[in-house]
Amino acid sequence: NYLLSLQKENEYMVIKSTREEIADYLGIARPSLSRELGRMQDEGIIQIIGKEVFIKNQEAFDKLFD
């Protein structure tokens, strides 16, 4: 839901927080967050470039939150 709240209309988001700050906000360990983001990237759901996260497969992204 955190990522959904950041998503822009043109299917990308800019994360202004560090992974440590996001992990603290979500109440999870930073390595767990990094692993999940990496898994999503490996599966072609997202692409991370710097602080921008691009949604490459909107349908698969949406299914994560069903």
Protein backbone atom coordinates (compact mmCIF):
# COMPACT_ATOMS: atom_id res chain seq x y z
CA ASN A 1 0.00 0.00 0.00
CA TYR A 2 2.93 2.31 0.62
CA LEU A 3 4.04 1.96 -3.00
CA LEU A 4 0.49 2.44 -4.25
CA SER A 5 0.25 5.73 -2.35
CA LEU A 6 3.36 6.97 -4.20
CA GLN A 7 2.32 5.84 -7.67
CA LYS A 8 1.79 8.57 -10.24
CA GLU A 9 -0.71 8.47 -13.10
CA ASN A 10 2.00 7.61 -15.61
CA GLU A 11 2.99 4.46 -13.70
CA TYR A 12 6.06 5.56 -11.84
CA MET A 13 6.84 6.76 -8.36
CA VAL A 14 9.63 8.70 -6.74
CA ILE A 15 10.71 7.45 -3.35
CA LYS A 16 11.99 10.35 -1.26
CA SER A 17 12.81 8.19 1.76
CA THR A 18 15.71 5.82 2.24
CA ARG A 19 15.08 2.08 2.32
CA GLU A 20 15.86 2.21 6.05
CA GLU A 21 13.17 4.86 6.61
CA ILE A 22 10.63 2.91 4.54
CA ALA A 23 11.42 -0.32 6.40
CA ASP A 24 11.00 1.47 9.75
CA TYR A 25 7.69 2.96 8.57
CA LEU A 26 6.45 -0.49 7.51
CA GLY A 27 7.81 -2.18 10.63
CA ILE A 28 10.05 -4.60 8.73
CA ALA A 29 13.78 -5.15 8.44
CA ARG A 30 15.58 -3.25 5.69
CA PRO A 31 17.05 -6.44 4.18
CA SER A 32 13.52 -7.85 3.88
CA LEU A 33 12.36 -4.74 2.06
CA SER A 34 15.37 -4.85 -0.26
CA ARG A 35 14.79 -8.55 -1.00
CA GLU A 36 11.13 -7.94 -1.85
CA LEU A 37 11.93 -4.98 -4.10
CA GLY A 38 14.64 -7.06 -5.77
CA ARG A 39 12.22 -9.95 -6.28
CA MET A 40 9.67 -7.63 -7.85
CA GLN A 41 12.38 -6.26 -10.13
CA ASP A 42 13.62 -9.78 -11.07
CA GLU A 43 10.04 -10.79 -11.94
CA GLY A 44 9.72 -7.79 -14.26
CA ILE A 45 7.03 -6.08 -12.14
CA ILE A 46 9.08 -2.97 -11.37
CA GLN A 47 12.32 -1.32 -12.46
CA ILE A 48 14.32 0.75 -9.99
CA ILE A 49 16.56 3.54 -11.27
CA GLY A 50 17.94 5.70 -8.47
CA LYS A 51 14.96 6.88 -6.41
CA GLU A 52 12.44 6.27 -9.19
CA VAL A 53 10.44 3.07 -9.33
CA PHE A 54 8.78 2.32 -12.66
CA ILE A 55 5.86 -0.07 -12.91
CA LYS A 56 6.66 -2.39 -15.81
CA ASN A 57 3.71 -4.74 -15.35
CA GLN A 58 0.72 -2.91 -13.86
CA GLU A 59 -1.48 -6.02 -13.76
CA ALA A 60 1.09 -8.02 -11.77
CA PHE A 61 1.73 -4.98 -9.53
CA ASP A 62 -1.99 -4.67 -8.77
CA LYS A 63 -2.24 -8.40 -7.96
CA LEU A 64 0.30 -7.92 -5.18
CA PHE A 65 -2.32 -5.90 -3.29
CA ASP A 66 -5.40 -8.07 -3.79
